[in-house]
């Protein structure tokens, strides 16, 4: 008698994890999801894929992450445009999925391929993702998650510079006064990071916009 069905499944490769994540996120498209059960199934798949991605990026508590797999995962996430989906689908994800996404986001941004932070470079080519994250402060359900993701981005000079020089920056003067205390406090933390992480860029900004600020 064969007992092959008791064998553990083969671990997914980084490419397989990324492709599975992409498929599950795209399944959330309103045009595709027409039934409650289909939506629930898509959410389950996303949560499973995010857990797999998180374990691949940071280990599972017993096994350390494989550095080569981490870099490959970061590379494939960019190649497959999954970073775009991660940001734009964030507002409709469940709590656990958002938490895992934020954790993965922090690790992905730090990955260097040769001398380039590949995910940061991807965002530099899609600055609209930063605008989307800033505007999400108006959505209290995801505001704190987006705040963490923005502060991770602000650690990189090019991304901080973009936000400072964009129209989105003006929104922080509104967000720090929002009636929801937690959201307003988080917005202030992000605002403070923008003005303190890269002093040369901030100095250039203030010099260029001095007449507007006095």
C-alpha atoms as a PDB file:
ATOM      1  CA  UNK A   1       0.000   0.000   0.000  1.00  0.00           C
ATOM      2  CA  UNK A   2       1.318   3.420  -0.896  1.00  0.00           C
ATOM      3  CA  UNK A   3       1.509   6.060   1.803  1.00  0.00           C
ATOM      4  CA  UNK A   4       2.633   8.828  -0.558  1.00  0.00           C
ATOM      5  CA  UNK A   5      -0.321  10.965   0.474  1.00  0.00           C
ATOM      6  CA  UNK A   6       1.296  11.374   3.902  1.00  0.00           C
ATOM      7  CA  UNK A   7       4.354  13.057   2.416  1.00  0.00           C
ATOM      8  CA  UNK A   8       4.654  16.766   3.188  1.00  0.00           C
ATOM      9  CA  UNK A   9       4.076  19.061   0.239  1.00  0.00           C
ATOM     10  CA  UNK A  10       7.112  20.536  -1.471  1.00  0.00           C
ATOM     11  CA  UNK A  11       7.905  24.061  -0.235  1.00  0.00           C
ATOM     12  CA  UNK A  12       7.050  26.737  -2.763  1.00  0.00           C
ATOM     13  CA  UNK A  13       9.800  28.628  -4.524  1.00  0.00           C
ATOM     14  CA  UNK A  14       9.914  32.451  -4.259  1.00  0.00           C
ATOM     15  CA  UNK A  15       8.537  32.734  -7.794  1.00  0.00           C
ATOM     16  CA  UNK A  16       5.639  30.409  -6.948  1.00  0.00           C
ATOM     17  CA  UNK A  17       4.860  32.391  -3.798  1.00  0.00           C
ATOM     18  CA  UNK A  18       4.830  35.658  -5.718  1.00  0.00           C
ATOM     19  CA  UNK A  19       2.678  34.305  -8.542  1.00  0.00           C
ATOM     20  CA  UNK A  20       0.201  32.746  -6.085  1.00  0.00           C
ATOM     21  CA  UNK A  21       0.024  36.035  -4.175  1.00  0.00           C
ATOM     22  CA  UNK A  22      -0.578  37.957  -7.392  1.00  0.00           C
ATOM     23  CA  UNK A  23      -3.383  35.636  -8.471  1.00  0.00           C
ATOM     24  CA  UNK A  24      -5.112  35.791  -5.092  1.00  0.00           C
ATOM     25  CA  UNK A  25      -4.902  39.603  -4.953  1.00  0.00           C
ATOM     26  CA  UNK A  26      -6.229  39.965  -8.484  1.00  0.00           C
ATOM     27  CA  UNK A  27      -9.153  37.723  -7.508  1.00  0.00           C
ATOM     28  CA  UNK A  28     -10.357  40.565  -5.286  1.00  0.00           C
ATOM     29  CA  UNK A  29     -11.245  42.589  -8.363  1.00  0.00           C
ATOM     30  CA  UNK A  30     -14.864  43.675  -7.988  1.00  0.00           C
ATOM     31  CA  UNK A  31     -15.567  42.622 -11.565  1.00  0.00           C
ATOM     32  CA  UNK A  32     -14.440  39.106 -10.737  1.00  0.00           C
ATOM     33  CA  UNK A  33     -15.816  38.584  -7.243  1.00  0.00           C
ATOM     34  CA  UNK A  34     -19.573  38.354  -7.617  1.00  0.00           C
ATOM     35  CA  UNK A  35     -20.390  36.034  -4.750  1.00  0.00           C
ATOM     36  CA  UNK A  36     -19.722  36.213  -1.033  1.00  0.00           C
ATOM     37  CA  UNK A  37     -18.219  32.734  -0.991  1.00  0.00           C
ATOM     38  CA  UNK A  38     -15.860  33.621  -3.823  1.00  0.00           C
ATOM     39  CA  UNK A  39     -14.706  36.687  -1.902  1.00  0.00           C
ATOM     40  CA  UNK A  40     -14.199  34.667   1.277  1.00  0.00           C
ATOM     41  CA  UNK A  41     -12.162  32.106  -0.671  1.00  0.00           C
ATOM     42  CA  UNK A  42     -10.014  34.848  -2.177  1.00  0.00           C
ATOM     43  CA  UNK A  43      -9.389  36.343   1.275  1.00  0.00           C
ATOM     44  CA  UNK A  44      -8.385  32.922   2.647  1.00  0.00           C
ATOM     45  CA  UNK A  45      -5.941  32.421  -0.209  1.00  0.00           C
ATOM     46  CA  UNK A  46      -4.421  35.862   0.354  1.00  0.00           C
ATOM     47  CA  UNK A  47      -3.935  35.208   4.066  1.00  0.00           C
ATOM     48  CA  UNK A  48      -2.266  31.850   3.347  1.00  0.00           C
ATOM     49  CA  UNK A  49       0.008  33.389   0.721  1.00  0.00           C
ATOM     50  CA  UNK A  50       0.953  36.284   2.999  1.00  0.00           C
ATOM     51  CA  UNK A  51       1.846  33.860   5.807  1.00  0.00           C
ATOM     52  CA  UNK A  52       4.042  31.909   3.374  1.00  0.00           C
ATOM     53  CA  UNK A  53       5.683  35.123   2.186  1.00  0.00           C
ATOM     54  CA  UNK A  54       6.247  36.294   5.750  1.00  0.00           C
ATOM     55  CA  UNK A  55       7.887  32.995   6.725  1.00  0.00           C
ATOM     56  CA  UNK A  56      10.109  33.106   3.651  1.00  0.00           C
ATOM     57  CA  UNK A  57      11.192  36.661   4.470  1.00  0.00           C
ATOM     58  CA  UNK A  58      11.706  36.396   8.219  1.00  0.00           C
ATOM     59  CA  UNK A  59      11.708  32.698   9.134  1.00  0.00           C
ATOM     60  CA  UNK A  60       9.192  30.791  11.211  1.00  0.00           C
ATOM     61  CA  UNK A  61      10.817  31.006  14.632  1.00  0.00           C
ATOM     62  CA  UNK A  62      12.686  27.740  14.167  1.00  0.00           C
ATOM     63  CA  UNK A  63      14.278  28.099  10.744  1.00  0.00           C
ATOM     64  CA  UNK A  64      16.107  31.267   9.690  1.00  0.00           C
ATOM     65  CA  UNK A  65      15.231  32.819   6.326  1.00  0.00           C
ATOM     66  CA  UNK A  66      17.344  31.852   3.329  1.00  0.00           C
ATOM     67  CA  UNK A  67      19.100  35.020   2.110  1.00  0.00           C
ATOM     68  CA  UNK A  68      19.053  33.938  -1.537  1.00  0.00           C
ATOM     69  CA  UNK A  69      15.328  33.194  -1.392  1.00  0.00           C
ATOM     70  CA  UNK A  70      14.636  36.545   0.259  1.00  0.00           C
ATOM     71  CA  UNK A  71      16.437  38.396  -2.534  1.00  0.00           C
ATOM     72  CA  UNK A  72      14.709  36.335  -5.191  1.00  0.00           C
ATOM     73  CA  UNK A  73      11.333  37.023  -3.607  1.00  0.00           C
ATOM     74  CA  UNK A  74      12.022  40.770  -3.580  1.00  0.00           C
ATOM     75  CA  UNK A  75      13.112  40.646  -7.213  1.00  0.00           C
ATOM     76  CA  UNK A  76      10.039  38.706  -8.328  1.00  0.00           C
ATOM     77  CA  UNK A  77       7.675  40.974  -6.392  1.00  0.00           C
ATOM     78  CA  UNK A  78       8.972  43.840  -8.523  1.00  0.00           C
ATOM     79  CA  UNK A  79       9.004  41.916 -11.795  1.00  0.00           C
ATOM     80  CA  UNK A  80       5.394  40.805 -11.324  1.00  0.00           C
ATOM     81  CA  UNK A  81       4.164  44.277 -10.234  1.00  0.00           C
ATOM     82  CA  UNK A  82       2.944  42.756  -6.974  1.00  0.00           C
ATOM     83  CA  UNK A  83       3.980  45.861  -4.995  1.00  0.00           C
ATOM     84  CA  UNK A  84       1.263  47.766  -6.855  1.00  0.00           C
ATOM     85  CA  UNK A  85      -1.347  45.189  -5.868  1.00  0.00           C
ATOM     86  CA  UNK A  86      -0.157  45.124  -2.249  1.00  0.00           C
ATOM     87  CA  UNK A  87      -0.760  48.850  -1.942  1.00  0.00           C
ATOM     88  CA  UNK A  88      -3.992  49.188  -3.905  1.00  0.00           C
ATOM     89  CA  UNK A  89      -5.679  46.133  -2.381  1.00  0.00           C
ATOM     90  CA  UNK A  90      -4.696  47.024   1.197  1.00  0.00           C
ATOM     91  CA  UNK A  91      -8.005  48.794   2.051  1.00  0.00           C
ATOM     92  CA  UNK A  92     -10.085  45.673   1.334  1.00  0.00           C
ATOM     93  CA  UNK A  93      -7.871  43.144   3.110  1.00  0.00           C
ATOM     94  CA  UNK A  94      -8.643  41.605   6.489  1.00  0.00           C
ATOM     95  CA  UNK A  95      -6.795  42.584   9.671  1.00  0.00           C
ATOM     96  CA  UNK A  96      -4.393  39.621   9.722  1.00  0.00           C
ATOM     97  CA  UNK A  97      -3.556  40.034   6.050  1.00  0.00           C
ATOM     98  CA  UNK A  98      -2.822  43.746   6.570  1.00  0.00           C
ATOM     99  CA  UNK A  99      -0.578  42.956   9.513  1.00  0.00           C
ATOM    100  CA  UNK A 100       1.420  40.423   7.502  1.00  0.00           C
ATOM    101  CA  UNK A 101       1.598  42.763   4.530  1.00  0.00           C
ATOM    102  CA  UNK A 102       3.079  45.558   6.642  1.00  0.00           C
ATOM    103  CA  UNK A 103       5.641  43.149   8.093  1.00  0.00           C
ATOM    104  CA  UNK A 104       6.648  41.945   4.614  1.00  0.00           C
ATOM    105  CA  UNK A 105       6.760  45.506   3.249  1.00  0.00           C
ATOM    106  CA  UNK A 106       9.367  46.525   5.802  1.00  0.00           C
ATOM    107  CA  UNK A 107      11.646  43.621   4.910  1.00  0.00           C
ATOM    108  CA  UNK A 108      11.165  43.913   1.151  1.00  0.00           C
ATOM    109  CA  UNK A 109      12.226  47.563   1.061  1.00  0.00           C
ATOM    110  CA  UNK A 110      15.550  46.691   2.690  1.00  0.00           C
ATOM    111  CA  UNK A 111      16.560  44.101   0.092  1.00  0.00           C
ATOM    112  CA  UNK A 112      19.547  45.017  -2.062  1.00  0.00           C
ATOM    113  CA  UNK A 113      20.242  43.394  -5.415  1.00  0.00           C
ATOM    114  CA  UNK A 114      23.835  44.290  -6.262  1.00  0.00           C
ATOM    115  CA  UNK A 115      23.933  47.952  -5.168  1.00  0.00           C
ATOM    116  CA  UNK A 116      20.251  48.720  -5.680  1.00  0.00           C
ATOM    117  CA  UNK A 117      17.307  48.517  -3.305  1.00  0.00           C
ATOM    118  CA  UNK A 118      15.076  46.864  -5.905  1.00  0.00           C
ATOM    119  CA  UNK A 119      11.734  47.577  -4.237  1.00  0.00           C
ATOM    120  CA  UNK A 120      12.680  51.194  -3.552  1.00  0.00           C
ATOM    121  CA  UNK A 121      13.680  51.567  -7.186  1.00  0.00           C
ATOM    122  CA  UNK A 122      10.320  50.100  -8.202  1.00  0.00           C
ATOM    123  CA  UNK A 123       8.492  52.684  -6.078  1.00  0.00           C
ATOM    124  CA  UNK A 124      10.645  55.436  -7.622  1.00  0.00           C
ATOM    125  CA  UNK A 125       9.126  54.377 -10.952  1.00  0.00           C
ATOM    126  CA  UNK A 126       5.629  54.303  -9.439  1.00  0.00           C
ATOM    127  CA  UNK A 127       5.543  57.305  -7.120  1.00  0.00           C
ATOM    128  CA  UNK A 128       1.750  57.239  -7.262  1.00  0.00           C
ATOM    129  CA  UNK A 129       1.932  54.417  -4.703  1.00  0.00           C
ATOM    130  CA  UNK A 130       3.215  56.916  -2.143  1.00  0.00           C
ATOM    131  CA  UNK A 131       0.365  59.300  -2.948  1.00  0.00           C
ATOM    132  CA  UNK A 132      -2.092  56.440  -2.434  1.00  0.00           C
ATOM    133  CA  UNK A 133      -0.607  55.578   0.965  1.00  0.00           C
ATOM    134  CA  UNK A 134      -0.761  59.199   2.098  1.00  0.00           C
ATOM    135  CA  UNK A 135      -4.397  59.594   1.053  1.00  0.00           C
ATOM    136  CA  UNK A 136      -5.233  56.442   3.025  1.00  0.00           C
ATOM    137  CA  UNK A 137      -4.932  58.492   6.225  1.00  0.00           C
ATOM    138  CA  UNK A 138      -8.495  59.487   5.367  1.00  0.00           C
ATOM    139  CA  UNK A 139      -9.520  55.835   5.828  1.00  0.00           C
ATOM    140  CA  UNK A 140      -9.289  55.095   9.543  1.00  0.00           C
ATOM    141  CA  UNK A 141      -9.559  51.344   8.905  1.00  0.00           C
ATOM    142  CA  UNK A 142      -6.146  51.238   7.218  1.00  0.00           C
ATOM    143  CA  UNK A 143      -4.583  54.554   8.272  1.00  0.00           C
ATOM    144  CA  UNK A 144      -2.221  53.049  10.856  1.00  0.00           C
ATOM    145  CA  UNK A 145      -1.041  50.317   8.501  1.00  0.00           C
ATOM    146  CA  UNK A 146      -0.373  52.853   5.760  1.00  0.00           C
ATOM    147  CA  UNK A 147       1.430  55.061   8.263  1.00  0.00           C
ATOM    148  CA  UNK A 148       3.887  52.278   9.093  1.00  0.00           C
ATOM    149  CA  UNK A 149       4.452  51.607   5.394  1.00  0.00           C
ATOM    150  CA  UNK A 150       5.038  55.300   4.705  1.00  0.00           C
ATOM    151  CA  UNK A 151       7.573  55.629   7.525  1.00  0.00           C
ATOM    152  CA  UNK A 152       9.467  52.671   6.102  1.00  0.00           C
ATOM    153  CA  UNK A 153       9.522  54.459   2.746  1.00  0.00           C
ATOM    154  CA  UNK A 154      10.653  57.739   4.272  1.00  0.00           C
ATOM    155  CA  UNK A 155      13.860  56.069   5.478  1.00  0.00           C
ATOM    156  CA  UNK A 156      14.981  56.262   1.843  1.00  0.00           C
ATOM    157  CA  UNK A 157      15.974  59.730   0.676  1.00  0.00           C
ATOM    158  CA  UNK A 158      14.460  59.548  -2.815  1.00  0.00           C
ATOM    159  CA  UNK A 159      11.049  58.503  -1.487  1.00  0.00           C
ATOM    160  CA  UNK A 160      11.065  61.108   1.271  1.00  0.00           C
ATOM    161  CA  UNK A 161      12.031  63.785  -1.254  1.00  0.00           C
ATOM    162  CA  UNK A 162       9.122  62.863  -3.492  1.00  0.00           C
ATOM    163  CA  UNK A 163       6.561  63.133  -0.685  1.00  0.00           C
ATOM    164  CA  UNK A 164       7.976  66.459   0.478  1.00  0.00           C
ATOM    165  CA  UNK A 165       7.769  67.921  -3.010  1.00  0.00           C
ATOM    166  CA  UNK A 166       4.396  66.403  -3.921  1.00  0.00           C
ATOM    167  CA  UNK A 167       0.918  67.796  -3.468  1.00  0.00           C
ATOM    168  CA  UNK A 168       0.311  64.948  -1.020  1.00  0.00           C
ATOM    169  CA  UNK A 169       2.566  66.610   1.546  1.00  0.00           C
ATOM    170  CA  UNK A 170       0.025  69.393   2.023  1.00  0.00           C
ATOM    171  CA  UNK A 171      -2.494  66.808   3.229  1.00  0.00           C
ATOM    172  CA  UNK A 172      -0.491  66.213   6.404  1.00  0.00           C
ATOM    173  CA  UNK A 173      -1.554  69.630   7.720  1.00  0.00           C
ATOM    174  CA  UNK A 174      -5.101  68.261   7.584  1.00  0.00           C
ATOM    175  CA  UNK A 175      -4.346  64.751   8.797  1.00  0.00           C
ATOM    176  CA  UNK A 176      -2.568  65.841  11.997  1.00  0.00           C
ATOM    177  CA  UNK A 177      -5.831  67.499  13.041  1.00  0.00           C
ATOM    178  CA  UNK A 178      -8.168  64.598  12.290  1.00  0.00           C
ATOM    179  CA  UNK A 179     -10.727  63.904  15.062  1.00  0.00           C
ATOM    180  CA  UNK A 180      -9.572  60.285  15.475  1.00  0.00           C
ATOM    181  CA  UNK A 181      -6.682  60.618  17.939  1.00  0.00           C
ATOM    182  CA  UNK A 182      -4.787  57.476  16.913  1.00  0.00           C
ATOM    183  CA  UNK A 183      -4.839  58.456  13.245  1.00  0.00           C
ATOM    184  CA  UNK A 184      -3.882  62.069  13.922  1.00  0.00           C
ATOM    185  CA  UNK A 185      -0.999  60.936  16.164  1.00  0.00           C
ATOM    186  CA  UNK A 186       0.223  58.496  13.536  1.00  0.00           C
ATOM    187  CA  UNK A 187       0.039  61.171  10.835  1.00  0.00           C
ATOM    188  CA  UNK A 188       2.077  63.475  13.077  1.00  0.00           C
ATOM    189  CA  UNK A 189       4.730  60.754  13.514  1.00  0.00           C
ATOM    190  CA  UNK A 190       5.003  60.406   9.739  1.00  0.00           C
ATOM    191  CA  UNK A 191       5.049  64.192   9.319  1.00  0.00           C
ATOM    192  CA  UNK A 192       7.852  64.443  11.900  1.00  0.00           C
ATOM    193  CA  UNK A 193       9.891  61.765  10.128  1.00  0.00           C
ATOM    194  CA  UNK A 194       9.520  63.637   6.852  1.00  0.00           C
ATOM    195  CA  UNK A 195      10.992  66.740   8.461  1.00  0.00           C
ATOM    196  CA  UNK A 196      13.795  65.077  10.427  1.00  0.00           C
ATOM    197  CA  UNK A 197      15.123  62.003   8.579  1.00  0.00           C
ATOM    198  CA  UNK A 198      16.914  63.799   5.739  1.00  0.00           C
ATOM    199  CA  UNK A 199      17.853  67.297   6.867  1.00  0.00           C
ATOM    200  CA  UNK A 200      19.527  68.347   3.619  1.00  0.00           C
ATOM    201  CA  UNK A 201      16.391  67.588   1.616  1.00  0.00           C
ATOM    202  CA  UNK A 202      14.205  69.332   4.198  1.00  0.00           C
ATOM    203  CA  UNK A 203      16.469  72.387   4.103  1.00  0.00           C
ATOM    204  CA  UNK A 204      16.171  72.507   0.306  1.00  0.00           C
ATOM    205  CA  UNK A 205      12.398  72.188   0.569  1.00  0.00           C
ATOM    206  CA  UNK A 206      12.041  74.931   3.171  1.00  0.00           C
ATOM    207  CA  UNK A 207      14.306  77.243   1.203  1.00  0.00           C
ATOM    208  CA  UNK A 208      12.304  76.683  -1.978  1.00  0.00           C
ATOM    209  CA  UNK A 209       8.963  77.159  -0.218  1.00  0.00           C
ATOM    210  CA  UNK A 210       9.957  79.786   2.347  1.00  0.00           C
ATOM    211  CA  UNK A 211       7.546  82.430   1.026  1.00  0.00           C
ATOM    212  CA  UNK A 212       4.657  79.958   1.228  1.00  0.00           C
ATOM    213  CA  UNK A 213       5.368  79.054   4.846  1.00  0.00           C
ATOM    214  CA  UNK A 214       5.783  82.518   6.386  1.00  0.00           C
END
